[in-house]
Amino acid sequence: MPELIRPSTVLPSKRTPFTLVTRDGFTLIGETASPLGERKGTILCFHPNPTGGGMMDSHIYKKAANRLPELAGIEIIRFNTRGTESEAGKSEGTYDNGDLEKYDVEAAIAYAFDVCKAEKLWVMGWSFGTDLALRHAHDPRILGLILLSPPLKYSKPEDLEFWKTDGRPITALIPEHDEYLKPAEAAVAFASIPQITLINVDEAKHLWVGEPMVYRVLTEITKIVAPESLPLPEEY
C-alpha cells in the first residue's frame, strides 16, 4: 500500500561519500546520491551560509538527495564548503565570505565531471550558495544555474554582467516573504540578465519551511532538469 512521502522519507539511491582537496590544500567532505536506474541529469548543490547554520544537510538539499534520484532520475551532489560541519563531518579551512570558497566550487565542479562523469550538470545555490554560483560557477560545461532565495549579498555587478554576456539559462525562485530579496526587488536586481526566469512563490519564506514548499521547490527543479519525470508523486 502506498505511503505518503514525509519529511523523513528516504527513497532508494546509491549513496557515495567523498572528499575533495581544493587547490589551496583543504579537504572538503560530501556525498553523492545517484539513481539506481537511468540518470537524467546531475545537480551540484551549494548550501546556505554556514554562519547561519547552512550546510550540505540543509533541509531542501537533504530532501532532494533523499527523493529526486528515485522519483526523477536526478543525481544530487552535496558537500560542505570550507569550515562547514554537518552530520557527515567537517570540512577543513575557514569560512571566507564567499571569496576563497571559489576553490571549493572549482573542486566540486571537477569532481562532478571527472569522478561522477556528469553529462548534464546543473548548479544549484541556496541563499549564500547562490552567490557562490553567480560568482564562481563559470565552467562552460555547466548547463545553467538554479537559484533558491538569492540574497545577492556577496555578488557584484560584474558577476551579473558575466551571466548577461554568457547567456546560459538561470532560474531563480523568489519567496514572497524573503527576508533579503523580495520579488519586486529581485526583478530590479536581475533586470540586466535577459535569459533569467524569475519564479515568484506566494507565501514562501527564505528557508522554504513546510512540506508544500519543499514539494514546490523540488517540482521546479525537476521541471528544469528532467521535466519528463513530472508530476512528482506525493506517495511512494
C-alpha atoms as a PDB file:
ATOM      1  CA  MET A   1       0.000   0.000   0.000  1.00  0.00           C
ATOM      2  CA  PRO A   2       1.490   3.404  -0.960  1.00  0.00           C
ATOM      3  CA  GLU A   3       2.756   5.618   1.851  1.00  0.00           C
ATOM      4  CA  LEU A   4       2.721   9.405   1.938  1.00  0.00           C
ATOM      5  CA  ILE A   5       6.143  10.974   1.360  1.00  0.00           C
ATOM      6  CA  ARG A   6       7.051  12.700   4.616  1.00  0.00           C
ATOM      7  CA  PRO A   7       9.964  14.951   5.669  1.00  0.00           C
ATOM      8  CA  SER A   8      11.828  11.879   6.961  1.00  0.00           C
ATOM      9  CA  THR A   9      11.244   9.725   3.858  1.00  0.00           C
ATOM     10  CA  VAL A  10      14.419   8.281   2.325  1.00  0.00           C
ATOM     11  CA  LEU A  11      13.924   6.630  -1.058  1.00  0.00           C
ATOM     12  CA  PRO A  12      16.362   4.227  -2.750  1.00  0.00           C
ATOM     13  CA  SER A  13      19.560   5.587  -4.288  1.00  0.00           C
ATOM     14  CA  LYS A  14      23.247   4.830  -4.467  1.00  0.00           C
ATOM     15  CA  ARG A  15      24.943   6.969  -1.804  1.00  0.00           C
ATOM     16  CA  THR A  16      28.648   7.662  -2.145  1.00  0.00           C
ATOM     17  CA  PRO A  17      30.538   9.675   0.495  1.00  0.00           C
ATOM     18  CA  PHE A  18      33.507  11.556  -0.955  1.00  0.00           C
ATOM     19  CA  THR A  19      36.262  14.018  -0.141  1.00  0.00           C
ATOM     20  CA  LEU A  20      37.646  16.848  -2.257  1.00  0.00           C
ATOM     21  CA  VAL A  21      41.021  18.526  -1.991  1.00  0.00           C
ATOM     22  CA  THR A  22      40.973  22.174  -3.034  1.00  0.00           C
ATOM     23  CA  ARG A  23      43.716  23.882  -4.992  1.00  0.00           C
ATOM     24  CA  ASP A  24      44.781  25.679  -1.795  1.00  0.00           C
ATOM     25  CA  GLY A  25      45.087  22.388   0.091  1.00  0.00           C
ATOM     26  CA  PHE A  26      41.913  21.864   2.158  1.00  0.00           C
ATOM     27  CA  THR A  27      39.892  18.657   2.345  1.00  0.00           C
ATOM     28  CA  LEU A  28      36.122  19.008   1.973  1.00  0.00           C
ATOM     29  CA  ILE A  29      33.516  16.334   2.647  1.00  0.00           C
ATOM     30  CA  GLY A  30      30.403  15.486   0.676  1.00  0.00           C
ATOM     31  CA  GLU A  31      28.008  12.838  -0.573  1.00  0.00           C
ATOM     32  CA  THR A  32      26.551  11.913  -3.950  1.00  0.00           C
ATOM     33  CA  ALA A  33      23.086  10.361  -4.224  1.00  0.00           C
ATOM     34  CA  SER A  34      22.711   8.683  -7.616  1.00  0.00           C
ATOM     35  CA  PRO A  35      19.704   6.987  -9.234  1.00  0.00           C
ATOM     36  CA  LEU A  36      19.678   3.207  -9.251  1.00  0.00           C
ATOM     37  CA  GLY A  37      18.277   3.415 -12.781  1.00  0.00           C
ATOM     38  CA  GLU A  38      18.721   5.934 -15.587  1.00  0.00           C
ATOM     39  CA  ARG A  39      20.478   9.181 -14.687  1.00  0.00           C
ATOM     40  CA  LYS A  40      18.647  12.038 -16.395  1.00  0.00           C
ATOM     41  CA  GLY A  41      20.788  14.838 -15.019  1.00  0.00           C
ATOM     42  CA  THR A  42      23.039  15.914 -12.160  1.00  0.00           C
ATOM     43  CA  ILE A  43      22.702  18.826  -9.752  1.00  0.00           C
ATOM     44  CA  LEU A  44      25.650  20.186  -7.780  1.00  0.00           C
ATOM     45  CA  CYS A  45      24.368  21.953  -4.645  1.00  0.00           C
ATOM     46  CA  PHE A  46      25.910  24.976  -2.885  1.00  0.00           C
ATOM     47  CA  HIS A  47      24.444  25.326   0.601  1.00  0.00           C
ATOM     48  CA  PRO A  48      23.286  28.364   2.627  1.00  0.00           C
ATOM     49  CA  ASN A  49      25.662  30.399   4.783  1.00  0.00           C
ATOM     50  CA  PRO A  50      27.360  28.276   7.462  1.00  0.00           C
ATOM     51  CA  THR A  51      27.411  31.272   9.800  1.00  0.00           C
ATOM     52  CA  GLY A  52      23.633  30.858   9.988  1.00  0.00           C
ATOM     53  CA  GLY A  53      23.652  27.072  10.176  1.00  0.00           C
ATOM     54  CA  GLY A  54      23.795  26.322   6.444  1.00  0.00           C
ATOM     55  CA  MET A  55      25.410  23.019   5.396  1.00  0.00           C
ATOM     56  CA  MET A  56      25.072  20.148   2.948  1.00  0.00           C
ATOM     57  CA  ASP A  57      22.201  18.764   5.069  1.00  0.00           C
ATOM     58  CA  SER A  58      20.143  21.966   4.939  1.00  0.00           C
ATOM     59  CA  HIS A  59      16.642  20.575   4.589  1.00  0.00           C
ATOM     60  CA  ILE A  60      15.835  21.277   0.921  1.00  0.00           C
ATOM     61  CA  TYR A  61      19.111  19.685  -0.162  1.00  0.00           C
ATOM     62  CA  LYS A  62      18.766  16.683   2.141  1.00  0.00           C
ATOM     63  CA  LYS A  63      15.231  16.069   0.875  1.00  0.00           C
ATOM     64  CA  ALA A  64      16.353  16.495  -2.729  1.00  0.00           C
ATOM     65  CA  ALA A  65      19.024  13.843  -2.153  1.00  0.00           C
ATOM     66  CA  ASN A  66      16.515  11.573  -0.394  1.00  0.00           C
ATOM     67  CA  ARG A  67      13.870  11.803  -3.134  1.00  0.00           C
ATOM     68  CA  LEU A  68      14.960  13.029  -6.565  1.00  0.00           C
ATOM     69  CA  PRO A  69      17.289  10.161  -7.540  1.00  0.00           C
ATOM     70  CA  GLU A  70      14.369   7.732  -7.269  1.00  0.00           C
ATOM     71  CA  LEU A  71      11.458   9.969  -8.247  1.00  0.00           C
ATOM     72  CA  ALA A  72      13.085  11.882 -11.109  1.00  0.00           C
ATOM     73  CA  GLY A  73      16.343  10.153 -12.036  1.00  0.00           C
ATOM     74  CA  ILE A  74      18.303  13.193 -10.853  1.00  0.00           C
ATOM     75  CA  GLU A  75      21.707  12.758  -9.229  1.00  0.00           C
ATOM     76  CA  ILE A  76      22.352  15.107  -6.284  1.00  0.00           C
ATOM     77  CA  ILE A  77      25.868  16.133  -5.235  1.00  0.00           C
ATOM     78  CA  ARG A  78      26.146  17.891  -1.853  1.00  0.00           C
ATOM     79  CA  PHE A  79      29.238  18.993   0.029  1.00  0.00           C
ATOM     80  CA  ASN A  80      30.316  21.213   2.907  1.00  0.00           C
ATOM     81  CA  THR A  81      32.294  24.293   1.924  1.00  0.00           C
ATOM     82  CA  ARG A  82      35.416  25.175   3.914  1.00  0.00           C
ATOM     83  CA  GLY A  83      34.888  25.321   7.669  1.00  0.00           C
ATOM     84  CA  THR A  84      31.348  23.908   7.426  1.00  0.00           C
ATOM     85  CA  GLU A  85      30.132  20.992   9.548  1.00  0.00           C
ATOM     86  CA  SER A  86      27.255  18.534   9.192  1.00  0.00           C
ATOM     87  CA  GLU A  87      26.412  15.041  10.398  1.00  0.00           C
ATOM     88  CA  ALA A  88      28.855  13.658   7.818  1.00  0.00           C
ATOM     89  CA  GLY A  89      31.753  15.640   9.309  1.00  0.00           C
ATOM     90  CA  LYS A  90      33.537  18.975   9.000  1.00  0.00           C
ATOM     91  CA  SER A  91      35.374  20.346   6.000  1.00  0.00           C
ATOM     92  CA  GLU A  92      38.801  21.820   6.615  1.00  0.00           C
ATOM     93  CA  GLY A  93      39.550  25.500   6.308  1.00  0.00           C
ATOM     94  CA  THR A  94      37.828  28.669   7.426  1.00  0.00           C
ATOM     95  CA  TYR A  95      34.743  30.424   6.094  1.00  0.00           C
ATOM     96  CA  ASP A  96      35.750  33.351   3.863  1.00  0.00           C
ATOM     97  CA  ASN A  97      32.573  35.248   2.901  1.00  0.00           C
ATOM     98  CA  GLY A  98      32.458  33.514  -0.476  1.00  0.00           C
ATOM     99  CA  ASP A  99      35.939  34.585  -1.616  1.00  0.00           C
ATOM    100  CA  LEU A 100      38.280  31.629  -1.065  1.00  0.00           C
ATOM    101  CA  GLU A 101      35.240  29.398  -1.491  1.00  0.00           C
ATOM    102  CA  LYS A 102      35.991  29.800  -5.198  1.00  0.00           C
ATOM    103  CA  TYR A 103      38.438  26.920  -4.708  1.00  0.00           C
ATOM    104  CA  ASP A 104      35.675  24.812  -3.132  1.00  0.00           C
ATOM    105  CA  VAL A 105      33.418  25.478  -6.115  1.00  0.00           C
ATOM    106  CA  GLU A 106      36.225  24.644  -8.524  1.00  0.00           C
ATOM    107  CA  ALA A 107      36.994  21.342  -6.768  1.00  0.00           C
ATOM    108  CA  ALA A 108      33.330  20.326  -6.611  1.00  0.00           C
ATOM    109  CA  ILE A 109      32.754  21.012 -10.307  1.00  0.00           C
ATOM    110  CA  ALA A 110      35.858  18.968 -11.156  1.00  0.00           C
ATOM    111  CA  TYR A 111      34.520  16.111  -9.018  1.00  0.00           C
ATOM    112  CA  ALA A 112      31.152  16.218 -10.788  1.00  0.00           C
ATOM    113  CA  PHE A 113      32.742  15.901 -14.206  1.00  0.00           C
ATOM    114  CA  ASP A 114      35.859  13.833 -13.529  1.00  0.00           C
ATOM    115  CA  VAL A 115      34.564  11.352 -10.944  1.00  0.00           C
ATOM    116  CA  CYS A 116      30.785  11.321 -11.371  1.00  0.00           C
ATOM    117  CA  LYS A 117      31.151  11.713 -15.146  1.00  0.00           C
ATOM    118  CA  ALA A 118      28.201  14.087 -15.185  1.00  0.00           C
ATOM    119  CA  GLU A 119      26.841  14.549 -18.693  1.00  0.00           C
ATOM    120  CA  LYS A 120      24.136  17.097 -17.877  1.00  0.00           C
ATOM    121  CA  LEU A 121      25.312  19.195 -14.935  1.00  0.00           C
ATOM    122  CA  TRP A 122      23.284  21.988 -13.363  1.00  0.00           C
ATOM    123  CA  VAL A 123      24.488  24.079 -10.438  1.00  0.00           C
ATOM    124  CA  MET A 124      22.010  24.962  -7.700  1.00  0.00           C
ATOM    125  CA  GLY A 125      22.660  27.528  -5.000  1.00  0.00           C
ATOM    126  CA  TRP A 126      20.527  28.367  -1.988  1.00  0.00           C
ATOM    127  CA  SER A 127      20.956  31.744  -0.250  1.00  0.00           C
ATOM    128  CA  PHE A 128      24.752  32.141   0.264  1.00  0.00           C
ATOM    129  CA  GLY A 129      25.125  29.295  -2.238  1.00  0.00           C
ATOM    130  CA  THR A 130      23.544  31.457  -4.955  1.00  0.00           C
ATOM    131  CA  ASP A 131      26.369  33.956  -4.529  1.00  0.00           C
ATOM    132  CA  LEU A 132      28.893  31.131  -4.903  1.00  0.00           C
ATOM    133  CA  ALA A 133      27.127  30.025  -8.088  1.00  0.00           C
ATOM    134  CA  LEU A 134      26.925  33.503  -9.609  1.00  0.00           C
ATOM    135  CA  ARG A 135      30.497  34.415  -8.681  1.00  0.00           C
ATOM    136  CA  HIS A 136      32.415  31.216  -9.266  1.00  0.00           C
ATOM    137  CA  ALA A 137      30.476  28.568 -11.251  1.00  0.00           C
ATOM    138  CA  HIS A 138      31.639  29.760 -14.659  1.00  0.00           C
ATOM    139  CA  ASP A 139      32.812  26.412 -16.063  1.00  0.00           C
ATOM    140  CA  PRO A 140      31.483  26.319 -19.641  1.00  0.00           C
ATOM    141  CA  ARG A 141      30.361  22.685 -19.282  1.00  0.00           C
ATOM    142  CA  ILE A 142      27.662  23.654 -16.762  1.00  0.00           C
ATOM    143  CA  LEU A 143      24.246  23.819 -18.420  1.00  0.00           C
ATOM    144  CA  GLY A 144      22.875  26.600 -16.224  1.00  0.00           C
ATOM    145  CA  LEU A 145      22.037  27.795 -12.727  1.00  0.00           C
ATOM    146  CA  ILE A 146      19.141  27.251 -10.321  1.00  0.00           C
ATOM    147  CA  LEU A 147      18.953  29.879  -7.576  1.00  0.00           C
ATOM    148  CA  LEU A 148      16.871  29.461  -4.406  1.00  0.00           C
ATOM    149  CA  SER A 149      16.273  32.619  -2.343  1.00  0.00           C
ATOM    150  CA  PRO A 150      19.147  34.667  -3.812  1.00  0.00           C
ATOM    151  CA  PRO A 151      20.130  37.491  -1.419  1.00  0.00           C
ATOM    152  CA  LEU A 152      22.766  38.996  -3.757  1.00  0.00           C
ATOM    153  CA  LYS A 153      24.785  39.773  -0.640  1.00  0.00           C
ATOM    154  CA  TYR A 154      28.228  38.871  -1.948  1.00  0.00           C
ATOM    155  CA  SER A 155      27.688  39.068  -5.713  1.00  0.00           C
ATOM    156  CA  LYS A 156      28.977  42.147  -7.504  1.00  0.00           C
ATOM    157  CA  PRO A 157      27.696  43.901 -10.653  1.00  0.00           C
ATOM    158  CA  GLU A 158      30.437  42.276 -12.689  1.00  0.00           C
ATOM    159  CA  ASP A 159      29.187  38.832 -11.612  1.00  0.00           C
ATOM    160  CA  LEU A 160      25.764  39.585 -13.050  1.00  0.00           C
ATOM    161  CA  GLU A 161      27.401  41.090 -16.122  1.00  0.00           C
ATOM    162  CA  PHE A 162      29.188  37.770 -16.716  1.00  0.00           C
ATOM    163  CA  TRP A 163      25.892  35.892 -16.878  1.00  0.00           C
ATOM    164  CA  LYS A 164      24.272  38.537 -19.043  1.00  0.00           C
ATOM    165  CA  THR A 165      27.040  38.066 -21.590  1.00  0.00           C
ATOM    166  CA  ASP A 166      27.302  34.310 -21.117  1.00  0.00           C
ATOM    167  CA  GLY A 167      23.677  33.631 -21.985  1.00  0.00           C
ATOM    168  CA  ARG A 168      23.179  30.284 -20.240  1.00  0.00           C
ATOM    169  CA  PRO A 169      19.771  29.834 -18.579  1.00  0.00           C
ATOM    170  CA  ILE A 170      19.201  30.843 -14.970  1.00  0.00           C
ATOM    171  CA  THR A 171      16.072  30.133 -12.972  1.00  0.00           C
ATOM    172  CA  ALA A 172      15.578  31.896  -9.623  1.00  0.00           C
ATOM    173  CA  LEU A 173      12.878  31.025  -7.098  1.00  0.00           C
ATOM    174  CA  ILE A 174      11.990  34.153  -5.142  1.00  0.00           C
ATOM    175  CA  PRO A 175       9.925  33.766  -1.934  1.00  0.00           C
ATOM    176  CA  GLU A 176       7.142  36.281  -1.439  1.00  0.00           C
ATOM    177  CA  HIS A 177       8.245  36.917   2.147  1.00  0.00           C
ATOM    178  CA  ASP A 178      12.003  36.593   1.703  1.00  0.00           C
ATOM    179  CA  GLU A 179      13.899  38.448   4.397  1.00  0.00           C
ATOM    180  CA  TYR A 180      16.639  39.521   1.975  1.00  0.00           C
ATOM    181  CA  LEU A 181      15.324  39.931  -1.582  1.00  0.00           C
ATOM    182  CA  LYS A 182      11.602  40.045  -2.287  1.00  0.00           C
ATOM    183  CA  PRO A 183      10.071  39.597  -5.764  1.00  0.00           C
ATOM    184  CA  ALA A 184       9.851  43.295  -6.678  1.00  0.00           C
ATOM    185  CA  GLU A 185      13.452  43.867  -5.593  1.00  0.00           C
ATOM    186  CA  ALA A 186      14.629  40.752  -7.439  1.00  0.00           C
ATOM    187  CA  ALA A 187      13.001  41.977 -10.660  1.00  0.00           C
ATOM    188  CA  VAL A 188      15.089  45.141 -10.468  1.00  0.00           C
ATOM    189  CA  ALA A 189      18.292  43.436  -9.312  1.00  0.00           C
ATOM    190  CA  PHE A 190      18.267  40.852 -12.112  1.00  0.00           C
ATOM    191  CA  ALA A 191      16.887  43.123 -14.837  1.00  0.00           C
ATOM    192  CA  SER A 192      20.216  43.154 -16.674  1.00  0.00           C
ATOM    193  CA  ILE A 193      20.126  39.380 -17.325  1.00  0.00           C
ATOM    194  CA  PRO A 194      17.696  38.781 -20.214  1.00  0.00           C
ATOM    195  CA  GLN A 195      17.696  34.977 -20.022  1.00  0.00           C
ATOM    196  CA  ILE A 196      16.832  34.703 -16.328  1.00  0.00           C
ATOM    197  CA  THR A 197      13.461  33.255 -15.327  1.00  0.00           C
ATOM    198  CA  LEU A 198      12.180  34.638 -12.026  1.00  0.00           C
ATOM    199  CA  ILE A 199       9.574  32.459 -10.319  1.00  0.00           C
ATOM    200  CA  ASN A 200       7.808  34.307  -7.516  1.00  0.00           C
ATOM    201  CA  VAL A 201       6.446  31.875  -4.935  1.00  0.00           C
ATOM    202  CA  ASP A 202       3.474  33.086  -2.919  1.00  0.00           C
ATOM    203  CA  GLU A 203       3.574  32.635   0.867  1.00  0.00           C
ATOM    204  CA  ALA A 204       7.129  31.288   0.762  1.00  0.00           C
ATOM    205  CA  LYS A 205       9.950  32.424   3.053  1.00  0.00           C
ATOM    206  CA  HIS A 206      13.723  32.344   2.673  1.00  0.00           C
ATOM    207  CA  LEU A 207      14.097  28.884   4.225  1.00  0.00           C
ATOM    208  CA  TRP A 208      11.221  27.163   2.347  1.00  0.00           C
ATOM    209  CA  VAL A 209       9.816  25.636   5.532  1.00  0.00           C
ATOM    210  CA  GLY A 210       6.965  23.140   5.258  1.00  0.00           C
ATOM    211  CA  GLU A 211       6.287  20.160   3.024  1.00  0.00           C
ATOM    212  CA  PRO A 212       4.176  22.120   0.477  1.00  0.00           C
ATOM    213  CA  MET A 213       7.152  24.450  -0.115  1.00  0.00           C
ATOM    214  CA  VAL A 214       9.563  21.525  -0.392  1.00  0.00           C
ATOM    215  CA  TYR A 215       7.298  19.905  -2.988  1.00  0.00           C
ATOM    216  CA  ARG A 216       7.114  23.170  -4.940  1.00  0.00           C
ATOM    217  CA  VAL A 217      10.896  23.610  -4.964  1.00  0.00           C
ATOM    218  CA  LEU A 218      11.565  20.001  -5.971  1.00  0.00           C
ATOM    219  CA  THR A 219       8.948  20.292  -8.715  1.00  0.00           C
ATOM    220  CA  GLU A 220      10.570  23.435 -10.147  1.00  0.00           C
ATOM    221  CA  ILE A 221      13.993  21.757 -10.036  1.00  0.00           C
ATOM    222  CA  THR A 222      12.661  18.715 -11.857  1.00  0.00           C
ATOM    223  CA  LYS A 223      10.929  20.904 -14.444  1.00  0.00           C
ATOM    224  CA  ILE A 224      14.368  22.223 -15.412  1.00  0.00           C
ATOM    225  CA  VAL A 225      16.494  19.067 -15.219  1.00  0.00           C
ATOM    226  CA  ALA A 226      14.124  16.185 -16.003  1.00  0.00           C
ATOM    227  CA  PRO A 227      10.687  17.522 -16.993  1.00  0.00           C
ATOM    228  CA  GLU A 228       9.604  14.138 -18.280  1.00  0.00           C
ATOM    229  CA  SER A 229       9.555  12.947 -14.639  1.00  0.00           C
ATOM    230  CA  LEU A 230       6.728  15.313 -13.663  1.00  0.00           C
ATOM    231  CA  PRO A 231       4.476  15.324 -11.815  1.00  0.00           C
ATOM    232  CA  LEU A 232       6.433  14.175  -8.795  1.00  0.00           C
ATOM    233  CA  PRO A 233       4.404  11.662  -6.805  1.00  0.00           C
ATOM    234  CA  GLU A 234       3.385  12.543  -3.265  1.00  0.00           C
ATOM    235  CA  GLU A 235       3.183   8.890  -2.303  1.00  0.00           C
ATOM    236  CA  TYR A 236       5.610   6.026  -2.725  1.00  0.00           C
END
